[in-house]
Amino acid sequence: MGNCKRGRYNHVLQNLNRQRSKSGSKYSKSVDSYINLLKREKNEGETKWIVDAKKRSINKLNKYGISMDYVKGVAEKRNLKDLF
């Protein structure tokens, strides 16, 4: 913070609740990416890339504490029941 305007960082030190949220839409994007992988697997078949990407995506869902029931519910709302 050497050569910068003081007002930009002063509020961070005084009022921590004023900071922006860092997670954003991380959870919904992880669900969307898993559903997109399922769509892609249906169209292209089971490739090595898709298998690896699904493993990574499932690990991310587990890390965030998102259950497969929730993912299935989101897919059903989008009329994508046939992916599961």
N, C-alpha and C. Protein backbone atom coordinates (compact mmCIF):
# COMPACT_ATOMS: atom_id res chain seq x y z
N MET A 1 0.82 -1.19 0.00
CA MET A 1 0.00 0.00 0.00
C MET A 1 0.86 1.25 0.00
N GLY A 2 2.04 1.18 -0.49
CA GLY A 2 2.98 2.27 -0.41
C GLY A 2 2.52 3.56 -1.06
N ASN A 3 2.45 3.60 -2.36
CA ASN A 3 2.18 4.84 -3.07
C ASN A 3 0.78 4.79 -3.64
N CYS A 4 -0.24 4.94 -2.78
CA CYS A 4 -1.61 4.89 -3.25
C CYS A 4 -2.47 5.80 -2.38
N LYS A 5 -3.69 6.02 -2.84
CA LYS A 5 -4.59 6.88 -2.08
C LYS A 5 -5.04 6.15 -0.82
N ARG A 6 -5.06 6.88 0.26
CA ARG A 6 -5.32 6.26 1.55
C ARG A 6 -6.78 5.83 1.70
N GLY A 7 -7.68 6.55 1.08
CA GLY A 7 -9.11 6.27 1.24
C GLY A 7 -9.54 4.92 0.69
N ARG A 8 -8.80 4.42 -0.28
CA ARG A 8 -9.17 3.15 -0.88
C ARG A 8 -9.03 1.99 0.10
N TYR A 9 -8.03 2.06 0.95
CA TYR A 9 -7.74 0.96 1.85
C TYR A 9 -8.12 1.24 3.29
N ASN A 10 -8.39 2.48 3.62
CA ASN A 10 -8.69 2.85 5.00
C ASN A 10 -9.97 2.18 5.48
N HIS A 11 -10.98 2.09 4.59
CA HIS A 11 -12.25 1.50 5.01
C HIS A 11 -12.09 0.01 5.30
N VAL A 12 -11.14 -0.64 4.65
CA VAL A 12 -10.93 -2.07 4.89
C VAL A 12 -10.40 -2.29 6.30
N LEU A 13 -9.57 -1.38 6.77
CA LEU A 13 -8.99 -1.54 8.09
C LEU A 13 -9.98 -1.18 9.19
N GLN A 14 -10.91 -0.25 8.91
CA GLN A 14 -11.81 0.21 9.95
C GLN A 14 -13.11 -0.60 10.01
N ASN A 15 -13.70 -0.87 8.85
CA ASN A 15 -14.99 -1.53 8.82
C ASN A 15 -14.88 -2.78 7.94
N LEU A 16 -14.72 -3.93 8.55
CA LEU A 16 -14.52 -5.15 7.79
C LEU A 16 -15.78 -5.59 7.06
N ASN A 17 -16.95 -5.17 7.49
CA ASN A 17 -18.19 -5.57 6.85
C ASN A 17 -18.39 -4.87 5.50
N ARG A 18 -17.60 -3.87 5.22
CA ARG A 18 -17.76 -3.12 3.99
C ARG A 18 -17.03 -3.78 2.83
N GLN A 19 -16.22 -4.79 3.09
CA GLN A 19 -15.51 -5.47 2.02
C GLN A 19 -16.48 -6.24 1.15
N ARG A 20 -16.14 -6.41 -0.09
CA ARG A 20 -16.99 -7.18 -0.99
C ARG A 20 -16.83 -8.66 -0.69
N SER A 21 -17.82 -9.43 -1.06
CA SER A 21 -17.73 -10.87 -0.87
C SER A 21 -16.80 -11.45 -1.92
N LYS A 22 -15.96 -12.36 -1.53
CA LYS A 22 -14.96 -12.89 -2.45
C LYS A 22 -15.46 -14.13 -3.19
N SER A 23 -16.45 -14.82 -2.63
CA SER A 23 -16.88 -16.07 -3.25
C SER A 23 -17.77 -15.83 -4.45
N GLY A 24 -18.58 -14.80 -4.43
CA GLY A 24 -19.41 -14.47 -5.58
C GLY A 24 -20.38 -15.59 -5.92
N SER A 25 -20.36 -16.02 -7.17
CA SER A 25 -21.27 -17.08 -7.63
C SER A 25 -20.51 -18.38 -7.85
N LYS A 26 -19.56 -18.65 -6.99
CA LYS A 26 -18.70 -19.81 -7.12
C LYS A 26 -19.50 -21.11 -7.05
N TYR A 27 -20.49 -21.17 -6.17
CA TYR A 27 -21.25 -22.40 -5.97
C TYR A 27 -22.15 -22.69 -7.15
N SER A 28 -22.85 -21.68 -7.63
CA SER A 28 -23.74 -21.91 -8.77
C SER A 28 -22.94 -22.21 -10.03
N LYS A 29 -21.76 -21.60 -10.17
CA LYS A 29 -20.94 -21.89 -11.34
C LYS A 29 -20.40 -23.32 -11.32
N SER A 30 -20.12 -23.85 -10.14
CA SER A 30 -19.63 -25.22 -10.08
C SER A 30 -20.73 -26.20 -10.45
N VAL A 31 -21.97 -25.92 -10.05
CA VAL A 31 -23.10 -26.76 -10.44
C VAL A 31 -23.33 -26.67 -11.94
N ASP A 32 -23.26 -25.45 -12.48
CA ASP A 32 -23.45 -25.26 -13.92
C ASP A 32 -22.38 -25.99 -14.73
N SER A 33 -21.15 -25.95 -14.26
CA SER A 33 -20.08 -26.61 -15.02
C SER A 33 -20.26 -28.12 -15.01
N TYR A 34 -20.74 -28.69 -13.90
CA TYR A 34 -20.97 -30.13 -13.85
C TYR A 34 -22.11 -30.52 -14.80
N ILE A 35 -23.17 -29.73 -14.83
CA ILE A 35 -24.29 -30.02 -15.73
C ILE A 35 -23.85 -29.89 -17.19
N ASN A 36 -23.03 -28.89 -17.48
CA ASN A 36 -22.52 -28.74 -18.85
C ASN A 36 -21.65 -29.92 -19.25
N LEU A 37 -20.88 -30.45 -18.30
CA LEU A 37 -20.08 -31.64 -18.61
C LEU A 37 -20.97 -32.85 -18.91
N LEU A 38 -22.07 -32.97 -18.18
CA LEU A 38 -22.99 -34.07 -18.45
C LEU A 38 -23.62 -33.94 -19.83
N LYS A 39 -23.97 -32.70 -20.21
CA LYS A 39 -24.52 -32.47 -21.55
C LYS A 39 -23.50 -32.83 -22.62
N ARG A 40 -22.28 -32.42 -22.38
CA ARG A 40 -21.22 -32.67 -23.35
C ARG A 40 -20.92 -34.16 -23.47
N GLU A 41 -20.99 -34.86 -22.34
CA GLU A 41 -20.77 -36.30 -22.36
C GLU A 41 -21.87 -37.00 -23.16
N LYS A 42 -23.09 -36.49 -23.04
CA LYS A 42 -24.20 -37.08 -23.79
C LYS A 42 -24.00 -36.89 -25.30
N ASN A 43 -23.51 -35.72 -25.69
CA ASN A 43 -23.33 -35.42 -27.12
C ASN A 43 -22.10 -36.09 -27.70
N GLU A 44 -20.96 -36.00 -27.01
CA GLU A 44 -19.69 -36.46 -27.57
C GLU A 44 -19.32 -37.88 -27.17
N GLY A 45 -19.92 -38.38 -26.12
CA GLY A 45 -19.50 -39.68 -25.61
C GLY A 45 -18.50 -39.49 -24.49
N GLU A 46 -18.02 -40.60 -23.95
CA GLU A 46 -17.12 -40.54 -22.80
C GLU A 46 -15.67 -40.47 -23.28
N THR A 47 -15.13 -39.27 -23.32
CA THR A 47 -13.73 -39.09 -23.71
C THR A 47 -12.87 -39.01 -22.45
N LYS A 48 -11.57 -39.10 -22.64
CA LYS A 48 -10.66 -39.03 -21.50
C LYS A 48 -10.72 -37.66 -20.83
N TRP A 49 -10.83 -36.63 -21.65
CA TRP A 49 -10.89 -35.27 -21.12
C TRP A 49 -12.13 -35.09 -20.25
N ILE A 50 -13.27 -35.60 -20.71
CA ILE A 50 -14.52 -35.44 -19.95
C ILE A 50 -14.45 -36.22 -18.64
N VAL A 51 -13.85 -37.40 -18.67
CA VAL A 51 -13.73 -38.19 -17.45
C VAL A 51 -12.89 -37.44 -16.41
N ASP A 52 -11.76 -36.88 -16.83
CA ASP A 52 -10.91 -36.12 -15.91
C ASP A 52 -11.61 -34.86 -15.42
N ALA A 53 -12.30 -34.17 -16.32
CA ALA A 53 -13.00 -32.95 -15.93
C ALA A 53 -14.14 -33.25 -14.95
N LYS A 54 -14.82 -34.38 -15.14
CA LYS A 54 -15.89 -34.77 -14.21
C LYS A 54 -15.32 -35.07 -12.84
N LYS A 55 -14.16 -35.73 -12.79
CA LYS A 55 -13.53 -36.00 -11.49
C LYS A 55 -13.22 -34.70 -10.76
N ARG A 56 -12.64 -33.75 -11.50
CA ARG A 56 -12.31 -32.46 -10.88
C ARG A 56 -13.56 -31.72 -10.43
N SER A 57 -14.60 -31.79 -11.25
CA SER A 57 -15.83 -31.09 -10.92
C SER A 57 -16.52 -31.72 -9.71
N ILE A 58 -16.50 -33.04 -9.62
CA ILE A 58 -17.09 -33.72 -8.46
C ILE A 58 -16.31 -33.39 -7.20
N ASN A 59 -14.99 -33.34 -7.31
CA ASN A 59 -14.17 -32.96 -6.15
C ASN A 59 -14.50 -31.55 -5.68
N LYS A 60 -14.72 -30.65 -6.63
CA LYS A 60 -15.05 -29.28 -6.27
C LYS A 60 -16.42 -29.21 -5.60
N LEU A 61 -17.39 -29.98 -6.11
CA LEU A 61 -18.70 -30.01 -5.48
C LEU A 61 -18.61 -30.54 -4.05
N ASN A 62 -17.82 -31.58 -3.85
CA ASN A 62 -17.64 -32.13 -2.51
C ASN A 62 -16.95 -31.13 -1.59
N LYS A 63 -16.00 -30.39 -2.12
CA LYS A 63 -15.28 -29.39 -1.34
C LYS A 63 -16.22 -28.29 -0.87
N TYR A 64 -17.15 -27.89 -1.73
CA TYR A 64 -18.10 -26.83 -1.38
C TYR A 64 -19.29 -27.37 -0.59
N GLY A 65 -19.40 -28.69 -0.44
CA GLY A 65 -20.49 -29.27 0.33
C GLY A 65 -21.80 -29.32 -0.43
N ILE A 66 -21.73 -29.43 -1.75
CA ILE A 66 -22.93 -29.49 -2.58
C ILE A 66 -23.22 -30.95 -2.88
N SER A 67 -24.45 -31.38 -2.56
CA SER A 67 -24.79 -32.79 -2.74
C SER A 67 -25.27 -33.05 -4.16
N MET A 68 -25.22 -34.31 -4.56
CA MET A 68 -25.69 -34.69 -5.90
C MET A 68 -27.21 -34.55 -6.00
N ASP A 69 -27.90 -34.65 -4.88
CA ASP A 69 -29.35 -34.44 -4.90
C ASP A 69 -29.68 -33.00 -5.31
N TYR A 70 -28.88 -32.07 -4.82
CA TYR A 70 -29.08 -30.66 -5.19
C TYR A 70 -28.81 -30.46 -6.68
N VAL A 71 -27.77 -31.09 -7.18
CA VAL A 71 -27.43 -30.97 -8.61
C VAL A 71 -28.55 -31.56 -9.46
N LYS A 72 -29.08 -32.70 -9.02
CA LYS A 72 -30.19 -33.33 -9.74
C LYS A 72 -31.42 -32.43 -9.72
N GLY A 73 -31.66 -31.77 -8.60
CA GLY A 73 -32.79 -30.84 -8.50
C GLY A 73 -32.65 -29.67 -9.46
N VAL A 74 -31.45 -29.15 -9.57
CA VAL A 74 -31.20 -28.04 -10.50
C VAL A 74 -31.40 -28.51 -11.94
N ALA A 75 -30.94 -29.72 -12.23
CA ALA A 75 -31.10 -30.25 -13.59
C ALA A 75 -32.58 -30.49 -13.91
N GLU A 76 -33.34 -30.93 -12.93
CA GLU A 76 -34.77 -31.14 -13.15
C GLU A 76 -35.49 -29.83 -13.40
N LYS A 77 -35.07 -28.77 -12.71
CA LYS A 77 -35.68 -27.46 -12.95
C LYS A 77 -35.41 -26.96 -14.36
N ARG A 78 -34.29 -27.39 -14.94
CA ARG A 78 -33.93 -26.99 -16.30
C ARG A 78 -34.40 -28.01 -17.34
N ASN A 79 -35.23 -28.95 -16.92
CA ASN A 79 -35.76 -30.01 -17.80
C ASN A 79 -34.65 -30.86 -18.40
N LEU A 80 -33.68 -31.24 -17.59
CA LEU A 80 -32.57 -32.08 -18.03
C LEU A 80 -32.52 -33.37 -17.21
N LYS A 81 -33.67 -33.99 -17.01
CA LYS A 81 -33.74 -35.20 -16.18
C LYS A 81 -33.00 -36.37 -16.82
N ASP A 82 -32.92 -36.37 -18.15
CA ASP A 82 -32.32 -37.51 -18.85
C ASP A 82 -30.81 -37.57 -18.73
N LEU A 83 -30.18 -36.56 -18.13
CA LEU A 83 -28.72 -36.58 -17.98
C LEU A 83 -28.29 -37.53 -16.87
N PHE A 84 -29.16 -37.82 -15.91
CA PHE A 84 -28.79 -38.66 -14.78
C PHE A 84 -29.30 -40.06 -14.92
